[in-house]
Amino acid sequence: MDVDLSAVPGWLPPLAFIAAGAALGIFAETVVFRKIRKIAATAKWESARVTAAAFRGMPFFWFLLAGLYGASARADLGDEPSLLIEKTLSVLIILSLTVVAARIATGLVKLSSQRAGVVFLSASIFVNLTRIVVLAIGILTALQSIGVPITPLFTALGIGGLAVALGLQDTLSNLFAGIQVIASEQVRPGDYVKLESGDEGYVTDMSWRYTTIQSLPNNRVIVPNAKLASAIVTNYHLPDKELAVLVQVGVSYGSDLEEVERVTIEVARAVMREVAGGIPAFSPFIRYHTFGEFSVNFSVILRGREFVDQYLIKHEFLKRLHRRYREEGIEIPFPVRTVHLKQDSPPRPPGGDVSDER
């Protein structure tokens, strides 16, 4: 049976191409690529997971573009509209590939930092710079594909960039200061730092403009990168996270200092073994240093895994030491001050001494 194609409306074949492209895109996204992502999730290569995740949402978009291209080829739109649609579709394809490349590049930057154990690469400043570079290359490629000359664009950007640099002097200084700080590896995301201003906390992020510090009271301190680069910073995670924990103690002058040392070290060793954040292999010790006004003072040296562990270590050590001193009869004296009152002699009578009055 012959079908009369002349009876088919002219808009139906282009619409069929678009519908077919959308249907294939939905099938590819929900069935094919979802299965690929599941396989990548179980693979031992982490780069496979990054690559598979970068294609999320793109199969449907690409099949839809293919349907639009087939519809434009099937429809009789004329030379100029067809050429315009073709260029538009080519630009969209290049930009979509650029987005995928940017996702893969940024994902690999984060992945490489995790593999190497170098946390500074995960700072958003490097991730954003990587994304900007890839997107810029993709946009320039798209412009060149449709016949836009990019050489004059570079010249215009060079002249305009000088004006922008003068207007954004503070912003650019923060950008380069951030790059300098990260490249020096003296301050990294995840480090616990203390600024000369007194602010302290964990460095959570280093962006192109400022560094974010999360303090222990759960507040955020925003520091411009330029100020951070010129500030005096104490980094409690360099060269190592472990740190000495010093506790000041005083005992009465009547105490046996040898016995005090023995008891104190026993308590300190138990704290190092049993308290979270302590270093079991570390051997605590004490150092007498001062004859105080009412006590013999000394320092107990313990060790913690990182800065915040010192609070729990001190807490448990003081509780246990107080209980043990009480059991052993070691006195922790109260502050004592002895006050001598001087009594004035009676005033002399005028015109003579005391013997004359007698």
Protein backbone atom coordinates (compact mmCIF):
# COMPACT_ATOMS: atom_id res chain seq x y z
CA MET A 1 0.00 0.00 0.00
CA ASP A 2 1.53 3.28 -1.09
CA VAL A 3 1.59 6.18 1.35
CA ASP A 4 0.98 9.64 0.03
CA LEU A 5 3.76 11.66 1.66
CA SER A 6 2.36 14.85 0.22
CA ALA A 7 -0.52 14.54 2.70
CA VAL A 8 1.90 14.65 5.68
CA PRO A 9 2.13 18.18 7.17
CA GLY A 10 5.50 19.87 6.65
CA TRP A 11 6.07 20.49 10.36
CA LEU A 12 5.61 16.84 11.35
CA PRO A 13 9.03 15.41 10.23
CA PRO A 14 11.06 18.15 12.03
CA LEU A 15 8.94 17.65 15.13
CA ALA A 16 9.54 13.91 14.88
CA PHE A 17 13.32 14.49 14.78
CA ILE A 18 13.14 16.67 17.89
CA ALA A 19 10.94 14.16 19.73
CA ALA A 20 13.24 11.28 18.74
CA GLY A 21 16.29 13.18 19.93
CA ALA A 22 14.64 13.98 23.27
CA ALA A 23 13.52 10.35 23.72
CA LEU A 24 16.97 8.98 22.94
CA GLY A 25 18.50 11.54 25.29
CA ILE A 26 16.23 10.50 28.15
CA PHE A 27 17.04 6.83 27.49
CA ALA A 28 20.78 7.51 27.36
CA GLU A 29 20.72 9.62 30.53
CA THR A 30 18.46 7.43 32.67
CA VAL A 31 19.57 3.99 31.49
CA VAL A 32 22.92 3.92 29.71
CA PHE A 33 24.90 6.61 31.54
CA ARG A 34 23.33 5.79 34.89
CA LYS A 35 24.65 2.24 34.51
CA ILE A 36 28.04 3.61 33.47
CA ARG A 37 28.14 5.79 36.60
CA LYS A 38 27.29 2.81 38.79
CA ILE A 39 30.12 0.80 37.23
CA ALA A 40 32.51 3.73 37.69
CA ALA A 41 31.45 4.06 41.35
CA THR A 42 32.68 0.52 42.03
CA ALA A 43 35.87 0.88 40.00
CA LYS A 44 39.20 1.14 41.81
CA TRP A 45 40.23 4.12 39.70
CA GLU A 46 38.88 7.28 41.30
CA SER A 47 39.47 9.18 38.07
CA ALA A 48 36.80 6.99 36.43
CA ARG A 49 34.24 8.25 38.95
CA VAL A 50 35.26 11.85 38.32
CA THR A 51 34.97 11.38 34.56
CA ALA A 52 31.61 9.62 34.76
CA ALA A 53 30.18 12.31 37.04
CA ALA A 54 31.31 15.03 34.61
CA PHE A 55 28.88 13.79 31.95
CA ARG A 56 25.81 14.17 34.15
CA GLY A 57 22.99 15.80 32.18
CA MET A 58 24.96 15.97 28.94
CA PRO A 59 23.61 12.90 27.01
CA PHE A 60 20.09 14.32 26.95
CA PHE A 61 21.41 17.72 25.84
CA TRP A 62 23.53 16.23 23.04
CA PHE A 63 20.74 14.01 21.67
CA LEU A 64 18.37 16.95 21.78
CA LEU A 65 20.87 19.01 19.76
CA ALA A 66 21.12 16.15 17.28
CA GLY A 67 17.34 16.14 16.96
CA LEU A 68 17.33 19.90 16.39
CA TYR A 69 20.02 19.53 13.73
CA GLY A 70 17.99 16.81 11.96
CA ALA A 71 14.87 18.95 12.17
CA SER A 72 16.62 21.98 10.67
CA ALA A 73 18.02 19.82 7.84
CA ARG A 74 14.58 18.34 7.15
CA ALA A 75 12.77 21.66 7.23
CA ASP A 76 13.03 23.96 4.29
CA LEU A 77 14.16 27.13 6.05
CA GLY A 78 16.44 28.63 3.45
CA ASP A 79 20.21 29.05 3.38
CA GLU A 80 20.66 31.85 5.91
CA PRO A 81 18.40 30.44 8.67
CA SER A 82 19.89 26.99 8.21
CA LEU A 83 23.43 28.40 8.45
CA LEU A 84 22.50 30.36 11.58
CA ILE A 85 21.00 27.28 13.23
CA GLU A 86 24.04 25.21 12.28
CA LYS A 87 26.44 27.73 13.81
CA THR A 88 24.32 28.01 16.95
CA LEU A 89 24.25 24.25 17.38
CA SER A 90 28.01 23.99 16.86
CA VAL A 91 28.60 26.67 19.50
CA LEU A 92 26.33 24.86 21.95
CA ILE A 93 28.14 21.57 21.35
CA ILE A 94 31.55 23.20 21.91
CA LEU A 95 30.35 24.92 25.10
CA SER A 96 28.84 21.70 26.44
CA LEU A 97 32.11 19.86 25.80
CA THR A 98 33.90 22.72 27.56
CA VAL A 99 31.67 22.29 30.61
CA VAL A 100 32.50 18.58 30.70
CA ALA A 101 36.21 19.34 30.37
CA ALA A 102 35.99 21.90 33.19
CA ARG A 103 34.25 19.38 35.45
CA ILE A 104 36.88 16.76 34.74
CA ALA A 105 39.77 19.21 35.23
CA THR A 106 38.50 20.55 38.56
CA GLY A 107 37.67 17.04 39.75
CA LEU A 108 41.17 15.82 38.90
CA VAL A 109 42.72 18.80 40.73
CA LYS A 110 40.85 17.84 43.90
CA LEU A 111 41.63 14.16 43.36
CA SER A 112 45.34 14.74 42.87
CA SER A 113 45.51 16.74 46.09
CA GLN A 114 43.85 13.92 48.02
CA ARG A 115 46.17 11.30 46.57
CA ALA A 116 49.29 13.31 47.34
CA GLY A 117 48.03 14.32 50.77
CA VAL A 118 48.52 17.97 49.84
CA VAL A 119 45.41 19.77 50.99
CA PHE A 120 46.34 23.18 49.63
CA LEU A 121 45.42 22.13 46.07
CA SER A 122 41.80 21.73 47.19
CA ALA A 123 41.53 25.43 47.97
CA SER A 124 38.81 27.03 45.91
CA ILE A 125 41.28 29.51 44.41
CA PHE A 126 42.97 26.74 42.39
CA VAL A 127 39.71 25.03 41.55
CA ASN A 128 38.23 28.30 40.30
CA LEU A 129 41.35 29.20 38.32
CA THR A 130 41.31 25.80 36.64
CA ARG A 131 37.63 26.20 35.77
CA ILE A 132 38.16 29.74 34.41
CA VAL A 133 41.07 28.68 32.19
CA VAL A 134 39.16 25.74 30.67
CA LEU A 135 36.02 27.80 30.11
CA ALA A 136 38.01 30.62 28.52
CA ILE A 137 39.64 28.21 26.07
CA GLY A 138 36.25 26.74 25.22
CA ILE A 139 34.65 30.14 24.62
CA LEU A 140 37.51 31.24 22.37
CA THR A 141 37.24 27.97 20.42
CA ALA A 142 33.50 28.49 20.00
CA LEU A 143 34.02 32.03 18.74
CA GLN A 144 36.64 30.90 16.25
CA SER A 145 34.36 28.10 15.01
CA ILE A 146 31.74 30.60 13.86
CA GLY A 147 34.27 32.84 12.15
CA VAL A 148 34.86 35.45 14.84
CA PRO A 149 38.54 36.51 14.74
CA ILE A 150 40.07 36.18 18.18
CA THR A 151 43.35 38.05 17.52
CA PRO A 152 41.70 41.50 17.75
CA LEU A 153 39.89 40.20 20.82
CA PHE A 154 43.20 39.48 22.52
CA THR A 155 44.39 42.99 21.66
CA ALA A 156 41.24 44.54 23.06
CA LEU A 157 41.49 42.41 26.18
CA GLY A 158 45.09 43.50 26.66
CA ILE A 159 44.20 47.19 26.51
CA GLY A 160 41.06 46.74 28.56
CA GLY A 161 42.87 44.50 31.00
CA LEU A 162 45.21 47.34 31.92
CA ALA A 163 42.29 49.57 32.80
CA VAL A 164 40.60 46.77 34.73
CA ALA A 165 43.83 46.03 36.60
CA LEU A 166 44.05 49.64 37.75
CA GLY A 167 40.44 49.61 38.86
CA LEU A 168 40.73 46.25 40.60
CA GLN A 169 44.11 46.81 42.20
CA ASP A 170 43.02 45.64 45.67
CA THR A 171 41.25 42.58 44.27
CA LEU A 172 44.26 41.57 42.19
CA SER A 173 46.60 42.09 45.14
CA ASN A 174 44.45 39.72 47.17
CA LEU A 175 44.47 37.21 44.30
CA PHE A 176 48.24 37.14 43.93
CA ALA A 177 48.74 37.24 47.69
CA GLY A 178 46.51 34.17 48.00
CA ILE A 179 48.47 32.34 45.33
CA GLN A 180 51.72 33.27 47.09
CA VAL A 181 50.48 32.04 50.48
CA ILE A 182 49.22 28.75 49.06
CA ALA A 183 52.34 28.16 46.96
CA SER A 184 54.57 28.71 50.01
CA GLU A 185 52.57 26.01 51.89
CA GLN A 186 52.94 27.94 55.14
CA VAL A 187 49.16 28.25 55.55
CA ARG A 188 46.91 25.53 54.11
CA PRO A 189 43.23 24.62 54.34
CA GLY A 190 42.78 22.41 57.38
CA ASP A 191 45.56 24.04 59.43
CA TYR A 192 44.89 25.54 62.86
CA VAL A 193 46.38 29.03 62.90
CA LYS A 194 46.52 32.05 65.18
CA LEU A 195 46.89 35.56 63.76
CA GLU A 196 48.75 38.40 65.40
CA SER A 197 45.36 40.06 65.94
CA GLY A 198 44.44 37.22 68.31
CA ASP A 199 41.97 35.50 65.96
CA GLU A 200 42.49 31.77 65.69
CA GLY A 201 40.82 28.70 64.22
CA TYR A 202 40.87 26.22 61.35
CA VAL A 203 41.52 27.47 57.82
CA THR A 204 38.49 26.21 55.90
CA ASP A 205 39.03 27.82 52.50
CA MET A 206 41.31 30.16 50.55
CA SER A 207 39.46 31.88 47.73
CA TRP A 208 40.71 34.40 45.17
CA ARG A 209 39.92 37.28 47.52
CA TYR A 210 39.99 36.18 51.14
CA THR A 211 40.77 33.33 53.53
CA THR A 212 38.08 31.88 55.78
CA ILE A 213 38.98 30.79 59.32
CA GLN A 214 36.50 28.80 61.41
CA SER A 215 37.03 29.59 65.09
CA LEU A 216 36.31 27.14 67.91
CA PRO A 217 33.16 29.05 69.02
CA ASN A 218 31.86 28.29 65.48
CA ASN A 219 32.33 31.80 64.12
CA ARG A 220 33.92 32.68 60.81
CA VAL A 221 36.83 35.08 60.52
CA ILE A 222 37.26 36.56 57.03
CA VAL A 223 40.83 37.71 56.34
CA PRO A 224 41.84 39.39 53.05
CA ASN A 225 44.68 37.46 51.44
CA ALA A 226 46.88 40.55 51.25
CA LYS A 227 46.62 41.04 55.03
CA LEU A 228 47.24 37.36 55.66
CA ALA A 229 50.40 37.44 53.54
CA SER A 230 51.83 40.32 55.60
CA ALA A 231 50.61 39.16 59.03
CA ILE A 232 52.50 37.21 61.68
CA VAL A 233 50.79 33.81 61.76
CA THR A 234 51.34 30.93 64.17
CA ASN A 235 50.55 27.65 62.43
CA TYR A 236 49.93 24.89 64.98
CA HIS A 237 49.97 22.22 62.25
CA LEU A 238 53.51 22.94 61.04
CA PRO A 239 55.94 21.33 60.97
CA ASP A 240 53.78 18.70 62.70
CA LYS A 241 50.30 18.58 64.23
CA GLU A 242 51.57 17.13 67.50
CA LEU A 243 52.30 19.69 70.20
CA ALA A 244 53.49 19.85 73.78
CA VAL A 245 50.79 20.41 76.41
CA LEU A 246 52.11 22.23 79.49
CA VAL A 247 50.22 22.24 82.81
CA GLN A 248 51.39 24.40 85.71
CA VAL A 249 51.16 22.82 89.20
CA GLY A 250 52.24 23.86 92.68
CA VAL A 251 52.69 21.80 95.90
CA SER A 252 53.40 22.85 99.48
CA TYR A 253 56.93 23.28 100.79
CA GLY A 254 56.44 20.34 103.12
CA SER A 255 55.98 17.89 100.25
CA ASP A 256 58.51 15.22 99.27
CA LEU A 257 59.45 16.41 95.79
CA GLU A 258 60.65 12.96 94.70
CA GLU A 259 57.27 11.49 95.68
CA VAL A 260 55.47 14.36 93.95
CA GLU A 261 57.39 13.70 90.74
CA ARG A 262 56.66 9.96 90.84
CA VAL A 263 52.92 10.37 91.46
CA THR A 264 52.52 13.14 88.90
CA ILE A 265 54.26 11.17 86.13
CA GLU A 266 52.12 8.09 86.86
CA VAL A 267 48.96 10.14 86.43
CA ALA A 268 50.32 11.80 83.28
CA ARG A 269 51.20 8.44 81.70
CA ALA A 270 47.70 7.12 82.38
CA VAL A 271 46.22 10.21 80.72
CA MET A 272 48.43 9.75 77.65
CA ARG A 273 47.25 6.15 77.30
CA GLU A 274 43.57 6.54 78.06
CA VAL A 275 42.45 9.99 76.94
CA ALA A 276 41.54 10.62 73.29
CA GLY A 277 44.08 12.88 71.65
CA GLY A 278 46.99 11.80 73.83
CA ILE A 279 50.19 10.21 72.52
CA PRO A 280 50.53 6.79 74.23
CA ALA A 281 54.18 6.42 73.20
CA PHE A 282 55.14 9.76 74.76
CA SER A 283 56.79 9.72 78.20
CA PRO A 284 55.56 12.71 80.24
CA PHE A 285 57.96 14.50 82.55
CA ILE A 286 57.99 17.42 84.99
CA ARG A 287 60.38 20.30 85.59
CA TYR A 288 60.54 22.22 88.86
CA HIS A 289 61.18 25.86 88.16
CA THR A 290 60.11 28.28 90.93
CA PHE A 291 60.05 28.70 94.71
CA GLY A 292 56.78 30.58 94.88
CA GLU A 293 55.33 32.63 97.73
CA PHE A 294 53.41 29.66 99.11
CA SER A 295 54.32 26.65 96.91
CA VAL A 296 57.02 24.90 94.90
CA ASN A 297 55.94 25.32 91.28
CA PHE A 298 56.64 23.01 88.35
CA SER A 299 55.50 22.30 84.79
CA VAL A 300 54.06 18.99 83.63
CA ILE A 301 54.84 18.30 79.96
CA LEU A 302 52.35 16.11 78.09
CA ARG A 303 51.74 15.75 74.36
CA GLY A 304 48.62 15.96 72.15
CA ARG A 305 47.87 14.92 68.59
CA GLU A 306 46.74 18.40 67.57
CA PHE A 307 45.90 21.80 69.01
CA VAL A 308 42.31 21.19 70.15
CA ASP A 309 43.22 17.94 71.93
CA GLN A 310 45.00 19.88 74.67
CA TYR A 311 41.72 20.97 76.26
CA LEU A 312 40.49 17.45 76.99
CA ILE A 313 43.98 16.35 78.05
CA LYS A 314 44.26 19.19 80.59
CA HIS A 315 40.71 18.56 81.80
CA GLU A 316 41.28 14.89 82.52
CA PHE A 317 44.79 15.39 83.91
CA LEU A 318 43.73 18.00 86.47
CA LYS A 319 40.80 15.87 87.67
CA ARG A 320 42.93 12.75 88.05
CA LEU A 321 45.88 14.59 89.60
CA HIS A 322 43.69 16.29 92.19
CA ARG A 323 42.16 12.96 93.19
CA ARG A 324 45.55 11.22 93.35
CA TYR A 325 47.16 14.02 95.40
CA ARG A 326 44.32 13.77 97.89
CA GLU A 327 44.80 10.00 98.14
CA GLU A 328 48.59 10.36 98.61
CA GLY A 329 48.31 13.23 101.09
CA ILE A 330 50.12 15.70 98.84
CA GLU A 331 48.96 19.22 99.61
CA ILE A 332 48.09 21.77 96.98
CA PRO A 333 48.32 24.92 99.13
CA PHE A 334 45.98 27.87 99.09
CA PRO A 335 47.52 31.28 98.47
CA VAL A 336 48.82 32.52 101.83
CA ARG A 337 50.04 36.01 102.71
CA THR A 338 51.49 36.96 106.10
CA VAL A 339 50.75 40.55 107.12
CA HIS A 340 52.88 42.22 109.86
CA LEU A 341 51.22 45.20 111.55
CA LYS A 342 53.67 47.75 112.98
CA GLN A 343 52.39 49.61 116.10
CA ASP A 344 53.44 53.22 116.34
CA SER A 345 55.09 54.47 119.62
CA PRO A 346 53.10 57.01 121.75
CA PRO A 347 53.69 60.66 120.84
CA ARG A 348 56.14 62.68 122.97
CA PRO A 349 54.66 65.52 125.09
CA PRO A 350 55.73 69.00 124.09
CA GLY A 351 58.65 70.49 125.95
CA GLY A 352 60.13 67.35 127.36
CA ASP A 353 60.50 63.58 127.13
CA VAL A 354 58.61 60.85 128.91
CA SER A 355 61.07 60.69 131.87
CA ASP A 356 60.48 64.35 132.70
CA GLU A 357 56.77 63.74 133.18
CA ARG A 358 57.49 61.09 135.72
